[in-house]
């Protein structure tokens, strides 16, 4: 009987915690044709309690002499597997400040992996096939959204508190806002992305 009572308390507590979770809803505005699935905006929340690194590996393969996908978001500490699914030998390397590495040459069926310890952009290339390029953006937070078209986004499950919301796009100026998330309901964040010389944020 006592075990059942304890289980009920745990379930009720989880329900209350879920009910008290807030949400961010927003819109990303940008110059025409700047944002797409190939060139998305990444929006994330900073100031949250540290979370465990996801156990699941992400996958960025080499297929038909190109990277697939050409854009990937990983969390700090997460590992990305890079299999060669092509009929030719490939190489994957990056000279980015966020993570520099060279996986050497490897044939079809081989898999090499990289763990990303720092946030930021990682540009990937193949030394054999110079046209091949992909990007990995490493976010410092487990609460993020990827906006790859018309700009509505939401980030749910946030405990009440004050946080920073940041954004990244490969060609547009990064944005930042300080916001307060309620214990229940949502707060609105509108980000206006501009060319670097006239960056600004509107709320």
N, C-alpha and C. Protein backbone atom coordinates (compact mmCIF):
# COMPACT_ATOMS: atom_id res chain seq x y z
N UNK A 1 0.82 -1.20 0.00
CA UNK A 1 0.00 0.00 0.00
C UNK A 1 0.86 1.26 0.00
N UNK A 2 1.93 1.20 0.84
CA UNK A 2 2.81 2.36 0.91
C UNK A 2 3.51 2.59 -0.42
N UNK A 3 3.91 1.47 -1.10
CA UNK A 3 4.57 1.59 -2.41
C UNK A 3 3.65 2.28 -3.41
N UNK A 4 2.36 1.88 -3.39
CA UNK A 4 1.41 2.49 -4.32
C UNK A 4 1.25 3.97 -4.01
N UNK A 5 1.24 4.33 -2.74
CA UNK A 5 1.10 5.75 -2.36
C UNK A 5 2.29 6.56 -2.83
N UNK A 6 3.50 5.98 -2.66
CA UNK A 6 4.71 6.68 -3.13
C UNK A 6 4.68 6.86 -4.64
N UNK A 7 4.29 5.82 -5.36
CA UNK A 7 4.21 5.90 -6.83
C UNK A 7 3.23 6.99 -7.25
N UNK A 8 2.10 7.07 -6.54
CA UNK A 8 1.10 8.09 -6.87
C UNK A 8 1.64 9.48 -6.66
N UNK A 9 2.39 9.67 -5.55
CA UNK A 9 2.98 10.98 -5.27
C UNK A 9 3.96 11.37 -6.37
N UNK A 10 4.79 10.40 -6.81
CA UNK A 10 5.76 10.68 -7.89
C UNK A 10 5.05 11.09 -9.16
N UNK A 11 3.98 10.38 -9.51
CA UNK A 11 3.23 10.71 -10.73
C UNK A 11 2.60 12.08 -10.63
N UNK A 12 2.02 12.38 -9.47
CA UNK A 12 1.40 13.69 -9.29
C UNK A 12 2.44 14.80 -9.35
N UNK A 13 3.62 14.55 -8.75
CA UNK A 13 4.69 15.55 -8.79
C UNK A 13 5.14 15.80 -10.22
N UNK A 14 5.27 14.73 -11.00
CA UNK A 14 5.68 14.88 -12.41
C UNK A 14 4.64 15.67 -13.17
N UNK A 15 3.35 15.41 -12.86
CA UNK A 15 2.28 16.15 -13.54
C UNK A 15 2.32 17.61 -13.22
N UNK A 16 2.58 17.95 -11.94
CA UNK A 16 2.67 19.36 -11.55
C UNK A 16 3.85 20.02 -12.23
N UNK A 17 5.02 19.31 -12.27
CA UNK A 17 6.21 19.88 -12.92
C UNK A 17 5.93 20.15 -14.38
N UNK A 18 5.23 19.19 -15.05
CA UNK A 18 4.92 19.39 -16.46
C UNK A 18 3.99 20.56 -16.66
N UNK A 19 3.00 20.69 -15.74
CA UNK A 19 2.04 21.77 -15.87
C UNK A 19 2.69 23.12 -15.65
N UNK A 20 3.79 23.14 -14.87
CA UNK A 20 4.45 24.41 -14.56
C UNK A 20 5.53 24.75 -15.58
N UNK A 21 5.66 23.95 -16.61
CA UNK A 21 6.65 24.23 -17.64
C UNK A 21 6.14 25.31 -18.58
N UNK A 22 7.00 26.28 -18.85
CA UNK A 22 6.63 27.36 -19.77
C UNK A 22 7.16 27.11 -21.17
N UNK A 23 6.91 28.05 -22.04
CA UNK A 23 7.25 27.88 -23.46
C UNK A 23 7.65 29.22 -24.06
N UNK A 24 8.52 29.15 -25.03
CA UNK A 24 8.86 30.31 -25.86
C UNK A 24 8.23 30.10 -27.22
N UNK A 25 7.52 31.11 -27.70
CA UNK A 25 7.00 31.10 -29.06
C UNK A 25 7.52 32.35 -29.76
N UNK A 26 7.96 32.17 -30.97
CA UNK A 26 8.54 33.32 -31.64
C UNK A 26 8.48 33.23 -33.15
N UNK A 27 8.96 34.31 -33.76
CA UNK A 27 9.05 34.40 -35.22
C UNK A 27 10.42 34.96 -35.56
N UNK A 28 11.07 34.34 -36.53
CA UNK A 28 12.34 34.85 -37.05
C UNK A 28 12.06 35.56 -38.37
N UNK A 29 12.41 36.82 -38.42
CA UNK A 29 12.29 37.60 -39.67
C UNK A 29 13.68 37.81 -40.23
N UNK A 30 13.79 37.73 -41.57
CA UNK A 30 15.10 37.84 -42.19
C UNK A 30 14.96 38.44 -43.58
N UNK A 31 16.08 38.95 -44.14
CA UNK A 31 16.03 39.42 -45.53
C UNK A 31 15.54 38.33 -46.46
N UNK A 32 14.91 38.70 -47.52
CA UNK A 32 14.26 37.76 -48.43
C UNK A 32 15.21 36.68 -48.91
N UNK A 33 14.72 35.43 -48.88
CA UNK A 33 15.44 34.25 -49.37
C UNK A 33 16.71 33.91 -48.59
N UNK A 34 16.90 34.49 -47.41
CA UNK A 34 18.10 34.20 -46.62
C UNK A 34 18.00 32.89 -45.86
N UNK A 35 16.79 32.51 -45.46
CA UNK A 35 16.61 31.32 -44.62
C UNK A 35 15.96 30.21 -45.43
N UNK A 36 16.55 29.01 -45.35
CA UNK A 36 16.01 27.85 -46.07
C UNK A 36 16.43 26.60 -45.33
N UNK A 37 16.01 25.45 -45.82
CA UNK A 37 16.41 24.19 -45.19
C UNK A 37 17.92 24.01 -45.26
N UNK A 38 18.55 24.53 -46.32
CA UNK A 38 20.00 24.41 -46.47
C UNK A 38 20.74 25.49 -45.68
N UNK A 39 20.07 26.60 -45.38
CA UNK A 39 20.68 27.69 -44.62
C UNK A 39 19.71 28.15 -43.53
N UNK A 40 19.50 27.30 -42.51
CA UNK A 40 18.51 27.61 -41.49
C UNK A 40 19.03 28.55 -40.41
N UNK A 41 18.11 28.99 -39.58
CA UNK A 41 18.44 29.73 -38.36
C UNK A 41 18.34 28.77 -37.19
N UNK A 42 19.32 28.81 -36.30
CA UNK A 42 19.27 28.02 -35.07
C UNK A 42 19.02 28.97 -33.91
N UNK A 43 18.01 28.67 -33.11
CA UNK A 43 17.67 29.48 -31.94
C UNK A 43 17.78 28.59 -30.71
N UNK A 44 18.45 29.07 -29.65
CA UNK A 44 18.59 28.26 -28.46
C UNK A 44 18.46 29.11 -27.19
N UNK A 45 18.27 28.42 -26.07
CA UNK A 45 18.08 29.06 -24.77
C UNK A 45 19.30 28.80 -23.90
N UNK A 46 19.84 29.86 -23.28
CA UNK A 46 20.97 29.72 -22.37
C UNK A 46 20.54 30.08 -20.95
N UNK A 47 21.21 29.47 -19.96
CA UNK A 47 20.89 29.75 -18.56
C UNK A 47 20.14 28.62 -17.88
N UNK A 48 19.93 27.52 -18.60
CA UNK A 48 19.22 26.37 -18.04
C UNK A 48 20.17 25.49 -17.23
N UNK A 49 19.64 24.70 -16.31
CA UNK A 49 20.49 23.73 -15.61
C UNK A 49 21.15 22.78 -16.61
N UNK A 50 22.36 22.36 -16.30
CA UNK A 50 23.08 21.47 -17.19
C UNK A 50 22.36 20.14 -17.32
N UNK A 51 22.30 19.63 -18.54
CA UNK A 51 21.61 18.37 -18.83
C UNK A 51 22.62 17.32 -19.29
N UNK A 52 22.30 16.03 -19.10
CA UNK A 52 23.19 14.97 -19.61
C UNK A 52 23.31 15.05 -21.14
N UNK A 53 24.47 14.67 -21.63
CA UNK A 53 24.68 14.62 -23.08
C UNK A 53 23.87 13.47 -23.66
N UNK A 54 23.17 13.67 -24.78
CA UNK A 54 22.39 12.58 -25.38
C UNK A 54 23.29 11.38 -25.73
N UNK A 55 22.80 10.18 -25.40
CA UNK A 55 23.56 8.96 -25.73
C UNK A 55 23.55 8.68 -27.23
N UNK A 56 22.46 9.03 -27.88
CA UNK A 56 22.31 8.72 -29.30
C UNK A 56 23.30 9.52 -30.14
N UNK A 57 23.97 8.83 -31.05
CA UNK A 57 24.86 9.50 -32.00
C UNK A 57 24.04 10.05 -33.16
N UNK A 58 24.48 11.18 -33.68
CA UNK A 58 23.92 11.69 -34.92
C UNK A 58 24.68 11.07 -36.09
N UNK A 59 24.10 11.14 -37.28
CA UNK A 59 24.74 10.55 -38.46
C UNK A 59 24.80 11.57 -39.58
N UNK A 60 26.00 11.75 -40.14
CA UNK A 60 26.21 12.57 -41.33
C UNK A 60 27.00 11.70 -42.30
N UNK A 61 26.33 11.24 -43.35
CA UNK A 61 26.96 10.26 -44.24
C UNK A 61 27.53 10.91 -45.49
N UNK A 62 28.29 10.11 -46.22
CA UNK A 62 28.82 10.51 -47.52
C UNK A 62 28.18 9.58 -48.55
N UNK A 63 27.42 10.19 -49.45
CA UNK A 63 26.63 9.40 -50.39
C UNK A 63 26.51 10.17 -51.70
N UNK A 64 26.73 9.50 -52.82
CA UNK A 64 26.64 10.13 -54.15
C UNK A 64 27.54 11.36 -54.24
N UNK A 65 28.71 11.24 -53.67
CA UNK A 65 29.76 12.28 -53.68
C UNK A 65 29.24 13.60 -53.10
N UNK A 66 28.52 13.49 -52.00
CA UNK A 66 28.09 14.66 -51.25
C UNK A 66 27.83 14.24 -49.81
N UNK A 67 27.79 15.23 -48.95
CA UNK A 67 27.42 14.96 -47.56
C UNK A 67 25.90 14.93 -47.44
N UNK A 68 25.40 14.08 -46.57
CA UNK A 68 23.96 13.99 -46.36
C UNK A 68 23.69 13.75 -44.85
N UNK A 69 23.03 14.72 -44.19
CA UNK A 69 22.55 16.00 -44.71
C UNK A 69 23.72 17.00 -44.85
N UNK A 70 23.44 18.13 -45.46
CA UNK A 70 24.48 19.15 -45.60
C UNK A 70 24.50 20.10 -44.40
N UNK A 71 23.48 19.99 -43.52
CA UNK A 71 23.47 20.80 -42.29
C UNK A 71 22.94 19.95 -41.16
N UNK A 72 23.61 20.05 -40.01
CA UNK A 72 23.25 19.24 -38.86
C UNK A 72 23.47 20.05 -37.59
N UNK A 73 22.60 19.87 -36.61
CA UNK A 73 22.77 20.52 -35.31
C UNK A 73 23.09 19.45 -34.28
N UNK A 74 24.17 19.67 -33.52
CA UNK A 74 24.56 18.75 -32.45
C UNK A 74 24.67 19.53 -31.15
N UNK A 75 24.51 18.83 -30.04
CA UNK A 75 24.69 19.45 -28.74
C UNK A 75 26.13 19.27 -28.27
N UNK A 76 26.59 20.18 -27.43
CA UNK A 76 27.94 20.06 -26.87
C UNK A 76 28.09 18.70 -26.19
N UNK A 77 29.16 18.00 -26.53
CA UNK A 77 29.41 16.68 -25.97
C UNK A 77 28.86 15.55 -26.79
N UNK A 78 28.08 15.85 -27.82
CA UNK A 78 27.45 14.81 -28.62
C UNK A 78 28.42 14.31 -29.70
N UNK A 79 28.24 13.06 -30.10
CA UNK A 79 29.09 12.43 -31.11
C UNK A 79 28.33 12.31 -32.43
N UNK A 80 29.05 12.57 -33.52
CA UNK A 80 28.48 12.42 -34.86
C UNK A 80 29.24 11.32 -35.60
N UNK A 81 28.51 10.30 -36.05
CA UNK A 81 29.09 9.25 -36.88
C UNK A 81 29.09 9.70 -38.34
N UNK A 82 30.19 9.42 -39.04
CA UNK A 82 30.32 9.86 -40.43
C UNK A 82 30.66 8.66 -41.32
N UNK A 83 29.66 7.86 -41.66
CA UNK A 83 29.91 6.66 -42.48
C UNK A 83 30.14 7.02 -43.94
N UNK A 84 30.96 6.22 -44.60
CA UNK A 84 31.11 6.32 -46.05
C UNK A 84 30.14 5.34 -46.68
N UNK A 85 29.03 5.86 -47.20
CA UNK A 85 28.01 5.04 -47.85
C UNK A 85 28.12 5.15 -49.37
N UNK A 86 29.27 5.59 -49.84
CA UNK A 86 29.47 5.82 -51.27
C UNK A 86 30.30 4.68 -51.87
N UNK A 87 30.40 4.68 -53.21
CA UNK A 87 31.18 3.65 -53.89
C UNK A 87 32.64 4.06 -54.08
N UNK A 88 33.01 5.21 -53.56
CA UNK A 88 34.37 5.71 -53.69
C UNK A 88 34.94 6.06 -52.32
N UNK A 89 36.25 6.15 -52.24
CA UNK A 89 36.92 6.54 -51.00
C UNK A 89 36.67 8.02 -50.72
N UNK A 90 36.51 8.35 -49.44
CA UNK A 90 36.31 9.74 -49.03
C UNK A 90 37.25 10.10 -47.89
N UNK A 91 37.29 11.39 -47.62
CA UNK A 91 38.01 11.93 -46.47
C UNK A 91 37.12 13.02 -45.87
N UNK A 92 37.10 13.11 -44.56
CA UNK A 92 36.35 14.19 -43.91
C UNK A 92 37.32 14.97 -43.03
N UNK A 93 37.34 16.29 -43.21
CA UNK A 93 38.21 17.11 -42.37
C UNK A 93 37.56 18.46 -42.11
N UNK A 94 38.05 19.13 -41.08
CA UNK A 94 37.62 20.48 -40.76
C UNK A 94 38.80 21.26 -40.18
N UNK A 95 38.91 22.51 -40.58
CA UNK A 95 39.92 23.41 -40.00
C UNK A 95 39.25 24.47 -39.12
N UNK A 96 38.02 24.24 -38.73
CA UNK A 96 37.26 25.22 -37.96
C UNK A 96 37.83 25.39 -36.55
N UNK A 97 37.71 26.61 -36.01
CA UNK A 97 38.18 26.88 -34.66
C UNK A 97 37.40 26.07 -33.63
N UNK A 98 36.12 25.81 -33.91
CA UNK A 98 35.29 25.05 -32.98
C UNK A 98 35.80 23.63 -32.81
N UNK A 99 36.20 23.01 -33.92
CA UNK A 99 36.72 21.64 -33.88
C UNK A 99 37.51 21.37 -35.15
N UNK A 100 38.81 21.23 -35.03
CA UNK A 100 39.66 20.89 -36.18
C UNK A 100 40.00 19.40 -36.11
N UNK A 101 39.86 18.70 -37.23
CA UNK A 101 40.17 17.28 -37.26
C UNK A 101 40.36 16.83 -38.70
N UNK A 102 40.96 15.66 -38.86
CA UNK A 102 41.11 15.03 -40.18
C UNK A 102 40.95 13.53 -39.98
N UNK A 103 39.91 12.97 -40.58
CA UNK A 103 39.60 11.55 -40.39
C UNK A 103 40.35 10.63 -41.35
N UNK A 104 41.18 11.22 -42.23
CA UNK A 104 41.93 10.40 -43.16
C UNK A 104 41.05 9.82 -44.26
N UNK A 105 41.65 8.95 -45.08
CA UNK A 105 40.91 8.31 -46.17
C UNK A 105 40.23 7.04 -45.66
N UNK A 106 38.97 6.85 -46.05
CA UNK A 106 38.32 5.58 -45.68
C UNK A 106 37.30 5.16 -46.73
N UNK A 107 37.18 3.84 -46.94
CA UNK A 107 36.39 3.30 -48.05
C UNK A 107 34.92 3.10 -47.67
N UNK A 108 34.15 2.66 -48.62
CA UNK A 108 32.75 2.36 -48.41
C UNK A 108 32.57 1.35 -47.28
N UNK A 109 31.59 1.61 -46.43
CA UNK A 109 31.32 0.71 -45.32
C UNK A 109 32.03 1.06 -44.04
N UNK A 110 33.04 1.92 -44.12
CA UNK A 110 33.78 2.33 -42.93
C UNK A 110 33.06 3.51 -42.27
N UNK A 111 33.19 3.61 -40.95
CA UNK A 111 32.57 4.70 -40.19
C UNK A 111 33.61 5.32 -39.28
N UNK A 112 33.69 6.63 -39.29
CA UNK A 112 34.54 7.36 -38.34
C UNK A 112 33.66 8.34 -37.58
N UNK A 113 34.04 8.64 -36.35
CA UNK A 113 33.18 9.45 -35.47
C UNK A 113 33.96 10.60 -34.85
N UNK A 114 33.24 11.68 -34.58
CA UNK A 114 33.83 12.87 -33.95
C UNK A 114 32.90 13.33 -32.84
N UNK A 115 33.48 13.67 -31.67
CA UNK A 115 32.73 14.24 -30.57
C UNK A 115 33.02 15.73 -30.50
N UNK A 116 31.97 16.53 -30.32
CA UNK A 116 32.11 17.99 -30.36
C UNK A 116 31.97 18.56 -28.95
N UNK A 117 33.07 19.09 -28.42
CA UNK A 117 33.11 19.55 -27.03
C UNK A 117 32.82 21.03 -26.86
N UNK A 118 32.82 21.80 -27.93
CA UNK A 118 32.62 23.25 -27.83
C UNK A 118 31.49 23.70 -28.75
N UNK A 119 30.78 24.76 -28.35
CA UNK A 119 29.73 25.29 -29.24
C UNK A 119 30.33 26.10 -30.38
N UNK A 120 29.59 26.14 -31.49
CA UNK A 120 30.03 26.95 -32.62
C UNK A 120 29.86 26.21 -33.94
N UNK A 121 30.34 26.83 -35.00
CA UNK A 121 30.19 26.29 -36.35
C UNK A 121 31.38 25.43 -36.73
N UNK A 122 31.08 24.30 -37.38
CA UNK A 122 32.12 23.41 -37.91
C UNK A 122 31.85 23.22 -39.40
N UNK A 123 32.81 23.61 -40.23
CA UNK A 123 32.71 23.43 -41.68
C UNK A 123 33.42 22.13 -42.06
N UNK A 124 32.72 21.26 -42.78
CA UNK A 124 33.29 19.98 -43.18
C UNK A 124 33.57 19.94 -44.67
N UNK A 125 34.69 19.29 -45.04
CA UNK A 125 35.08 19.15 -46.44
C UNK A 125 35.66 17.76 -46.67
N UNK A 126 35.82 17.42 -47.94
CA UNK A 126 36.51 16.19 -48.35
C UNK A 126 37.72 16.60 -49.19
N UNK A 127 38.91 16.12 -48.82
CA UNK A 127 40.12 16.53 -49.54
C UNK A 127 40.18 15.94 -50.95
N UNK A 128 39.45 14.86 -51.18
CA UNK A 128 39.46 14.25 -52.51
C UNK A 128 38.46 14.94 -53.43
N UNK A 129 37.30 15.25 -52.92
CA UNK A 129 36.22 15.86 -53.71
C UNK A 129 35.97 17.27 -53.16
N UNK A 130 36.60 18.24 -53.75
CA UNK A 130 36.64 19.59 -53.19
C UNK A 130 35.28 20.29 -53.17
N UNK A 131 34.34 19.81 -53.98
CA UNK A 131 33.02 20.45 -53.98
C UNK A 131 32.17 20.04 -52.78
N UNK A 132 32.58 18.99 -52.07
CA UNK A 132 31.78 18.51 -50.95
C UNK A 132 31.92 19.42 -49.73
N UNK A 133 30.79 19.83 -49.18
CA UNK A 133 30.80 20.70 -48.00
C UNK A 133 29.55 20.45 -47.17
N UNK A 134 29.71 20.43 -45.88
CA UNK A 134 28.58 20.36 -44.95
C UNK A 134 28.92 21.20 -43.73
N UNK A 135 27.90 21.55 -42.97
CA UNK A 135 28.09 22.35 -41.77
C UNK A 135 27.42 21.67 -40.59
N UNK A 136 28.12 21.68 -39.46
CA UNK A 136 27.54 21.26 -38.19
C UNK A 136 27.56 22.45 -37.25
N UNK A 137 26.40 22.80 -36.71
CA UNK A 137 26.38 23.85 -35.69
C UNK A 137 26.17 23.18 -34.35
N UNK A 138 27.09 23.45 -33.43
CA UNK A 138 27.07 22.83 -32.11
C UNK A 138 26.44 23.81 -31.12
N UNK A 139 25.29 23.43 -30.57
CA UNK A 139 24.58 24.30 -29.63
C UNK A 139 24.99 23.99 -28.20
N UNK A 140 25.03 25.01 -27.32
CA UNK A 140 25.43 24.79 -25.93
C UNK A 140 24.27 24.37 -25.04
N UNK A 141 23.08 24.25 -25.59
CA UNK A 141 21.87 24.02 -24.80
C UNK A 141 21.04 22.90 -25.41
N UNK A 142 20.33 22.17 -24.54
CA UNK A 142 19.44 21.11 -25.04
C UNK A 142 18.09 21.66 -25.49
N UNK A 143 17.84 22.94 -25.25
CA UNK A 143 16.60 23.57 -25.67
C UNK A 143 16.89 24.48 -26.86
N UNK A 144 16.54 24.01 -28.06
CA UNK A 144 16.82 24.78 -29.27
C UNK A 144 15.77 24.46 -30.33
N UNK A 145 15.75 25.31 -31.35
CA UNK A 145 14.86 25.10 -32.49
C UNK A 145 15.62 25.42 -33.76
N UNK A 146 15.31 24.71 -34.83
CA UNK A 146 15.90 24.95 -36.14
C UNK A 146 14.81 25.49 -37.05
N UNK A 147 15.01 26.69 -37.57
CA UNK A 147 14.02 27.35 -38.42
C UNK A 147 14.55 27.31 -39.85
N UNK A 148 13.88 26.53 -40.69
CA UNK A 148 14.39 26.34 -42.05
C UNK A 148 13.49 26.88 -43.13
N UNK A 149 12.60 27.79 -42.77
CA UNK A 149 11.68 28.36 -43.75
C UNK A 149 10.95 29.53 -43.12
N UNK A 150 9.67 29.72 -43.45
CA UNK A 150 8.89 30.78 -42.81
C UNK A 150 9.02 30.65 -41.30
N UNK A 151 9.28 31.81 -40.62
CA UNK A 151 10.01 31.77 -39.37
C UNK A 151 9.37 31.49 -38.05
N UNK A 152 8.24 30.80 -37.93
CA UNK A 152 7.68 30.53 -36.61
C UNK A 152 8.44 29.39 -35.93
N UNK A 153 8.64 29.50 -34.62
CA UNK A 153 9.28 28.43 -33.86
C UNK A 153 8.73 28.42 -32.44
N UNK A 154 8.95 27.32 -31.75
CA UNK A 154 8.60 27.23 -30.33
C UNK A 154 9.60 26.33 -29.63
N UNK A 155 9.87 26.65 -28.36
CA UNK A 155 10.73 25.84 -27.50
C UNK A 155 9.96 25.64 -26.21
N UNK A 156 9.57 24.40 -25.93
CA UNK A 156 8.69 24.10 -24.80
C UNK A 156 9.46 23.42 -23.67
N UNK A 157 8.75 23.23 -22.55
CA UNK A 157 9.32 22.50 -21.42
C UNK A 157 10.36 23.27 -20.64
N UNK A 158 10.20 24.60 -20.55
CA UNK A 158 11.17 25.44 -19.85
C UNK A 158 10.69 25.75 -18.44
N UNK A 159 11.52 25.54 -17.43
CA UNK A 159 11.12 25.96 -16.08
C UNK A 159 11.04 27.48 -16.00
N UNK A 160 10.18 27.98 -15.13
CA UNK A 160 10.04 29.42 -14.98
C UNK A 160 11.38 30.05 -14.64
N UNK A 161 11.68 31.19 -15.24
CA UNK A 161 12.94 31.86 -14.97
C UNK A 161 13.32 32.84 -16.06
N UNK A 162 14.45 33.47 -15.88
CA UNK A 162 14.97 34.44 -16.84
C UNK A 162 16.14 33.80 -17.60
N UNK A 163 16.09 33.91 -18.93
CA UNK A 163 17.09 33.26 -19.78
C UNK A 163 17.52 34.19 -20.91
N UNK A 164 18.56 33.78 -21.58
CA UNK A 164 18.96 34.44 -22.81
C UNK A 164 18.57 33.56 -23.99
N UNK A 165 18.00 34.17 -25.01
CA UNK A 165 17.69 33.50 -26.26
C UNK A 165 18.67 34.02 -27.30
N UNK A 166 19.37 33.12 -27.96
CA UNK A 166 20.36 33.51 -28.97
C UNK A 166 20.02 32.84 -30.30
N UNK A 167 20.52 33.43 -31.36
CA UNK A 167 20.30 32.84 -32.69
C UNK A 167 21.59 32.86 -33.49
N UNK A 168 21.65 31.95 -34.47
CA UNK A 168 22.78 31.89 -35.40
C UNK A 168 22.26 31.61 -36.79
N UNK A 169 22.86 32.28 -37.76
CA UNK A 169 22.67 31.99 -39.18
C UNK A 169 24.01 32.22 -39.85
N UNK A 170 24.31 31.44 -40.87
CA UNK A 170 25.64 31.48 -41.47
C UNK A 170 25.98 32.84 -42.08
N UNK A 171 24.99 33.57 -42.58
CA UNK A 171 25.27 34.84 -43.27
C UNK A 171 24.72 36.07 -42.55
N UNK A 172 23.85 35.89 -41.56
CA UNK A 172 23.20 37.01 -40.91
C UNK A 172 23.72 37.20 -39.49
N UNK A 173 23.55 38.39 -38.96
CA UNK A 173 24.09 38.71 -37.65
C UNK A 173 23.41 37.92 -36.54
N UNK A 174 24.18 37.42 -35.58
CA UNK A 174 23.57 36.72 -34.44
C UNK A 174 22.75 37.69 -33.60
N UNK A 175 21.71 37.16 -33.00
CA UNK A 175 20.82 37.97 -32.19
C UNK A 175 20.76 37.43 -30.77
N UNK A 176 20.38 38.31 -29.84
CA UNK A 176 20.28 37.92 -28.43
C UNK A 176 19.18 38.71 -27.75
N UNK A 177 18.40 38.02 -26.93
CA UNK A 177 17.39 38.68 -26.10
C UNK A 177 17.38 38.04 -24.73
N UNK A 178 17.11 38.85 -23.70
CA UNK A 178 16.85 38.33 -22.37
C UNK A 178 15.34 38.25 -22.18
N UNK A 179 14.85 37.08 -21.79
CA UNK A 179 13.41 36.89 -21.67
C UNK A 179 13.09 36.22 -20.34
N UNK A 180 11.85 36.39 -19.90
CA UNK A 180 11.37 35.73 -18.68
C UNK A 180 10.25 34.77 -19.07
N UNK A 181 10.43 33.51 -18.70
CA UNK A 181 9.46 32.46 -19.01
C UNK A 181 8.54 32.27 -17.80
N UNK A 182 7.23 32.30 -18.00
CA UNK A 182 6.31 32.09 -16.88
C UNK A 182 6.25 30.63 -16.46
N UNK A 183 5.72 30.38 -15.27
CA UNK A 183 5.59 29.00 -14.78
C UNK A 183 4.59 28.22 -15.62
N UNK A 184 3.66 28.92 -16.24
CA UNK A 184 2.68 28.27 -17.09
C UNK A 184 2.32 29.25 -18.20
N UNK A 185 2.21 28.75 -19.42
CA UNK A 185 1.91 29.62 -20.56
C UNK A 185 3.16 29.86 -21.39
N UNK A 186 3.21 30.97 -22.08
CA UNK A 186 4.34 31.22 -22.97
C UNK A 186 4.71 32.70 -22.98
N UNK A 187 5.94 32.94 -23.43
CA UNK A 187 6.39 34.30 -23.68
C UNK A 187 6.78 34.39 -25.15
N UNK A 188 6.67 35.57 -25.74
CA UNK A 188 6.91 35.75 -27.17
C UNK A 188 8.28 36.37 -27.42
N UNK A 189 8.98 35.82 -28.39
CA UNK A 189 10.29 36.34 -28.80
C UNK A 189 10.28 36.52 -30.31
N UNK A 190 10.47 37.75 -30.75
CA UNK A 190 10.56 38.03 -32.18
C UNK A 190 11.97 38.48 -32.51
N UNK A 191 12.63 37.76 -33.41
CA UNK A 191 14.01 38.06 -33.79
C UNK A 191 14.04 38.57 -35.22
N UNK A 192 14.66 39.72 -35.41
CA UNK A 192 14.84 40.26 -36.75
C UNK A 192 16.31 40.13 -37.13
N UNK A 193 16.59 39.25 -38.07
CA UNK A 193 17.97 39.02 -38.51
C UNK A 193 18.28 39.94 -39.68
N UNK A 194 19.44 40.54 -39.63
CA UNK A 194 19.85 41.49 -40.67
C UNK A 194 21.26 41.19 -41.13
N UNK A 195 21.65 41.89 -42.17
CA UNK A 195 23.04 41.80 -42.60
C UNK A 195 23.93 42.35 -41.49
N UNK A 196 25.19 41.89 -41.38
CA UNK A 196 26.01 42.27 -40.25
C UNK A 196 26.13 43.76 -39.98
N UNK A 197 26.11 44.61 -40.99
CA UNK A 197 26.35 46.04 -40.74
C UNK A 197 25.17 46.73 -40.07
N UNK A 198 23.94 46.20 -40.18
CA UNK A 198 22.84 46.82 -39.47
C UNK A 198 22.05 45.83 -38.62
N UNK A 199 22.77 45.05 -37.83
CA UNK A 199 22.09 44.08 -36.98
C UNK A 199 21.25 44.76 -35.93
N UNK A 200 20.06 44.16 -35.64
CA UNK A 200 19.23 44.68 -34.58
C UNK A 200 18.25 43.60 -34.16
N UNK A 201 17.67 43.80 -33.00
CA UNK A 201 16.67 42.87 -32.49
C UNK A 201 15.43 43.67 -32.14
N UNK A 202 14.26 43.14 -32.49
CA UNK A 202 13.02 43.76 -32.08
C UNK A 202 12.22 42.76 -31.29
N UNK A 203 11.46 43.25 -30.36
CA UNK A 203 10.65 42.36 -29.54
C UNK A 203 9.18 42.75 -29.65
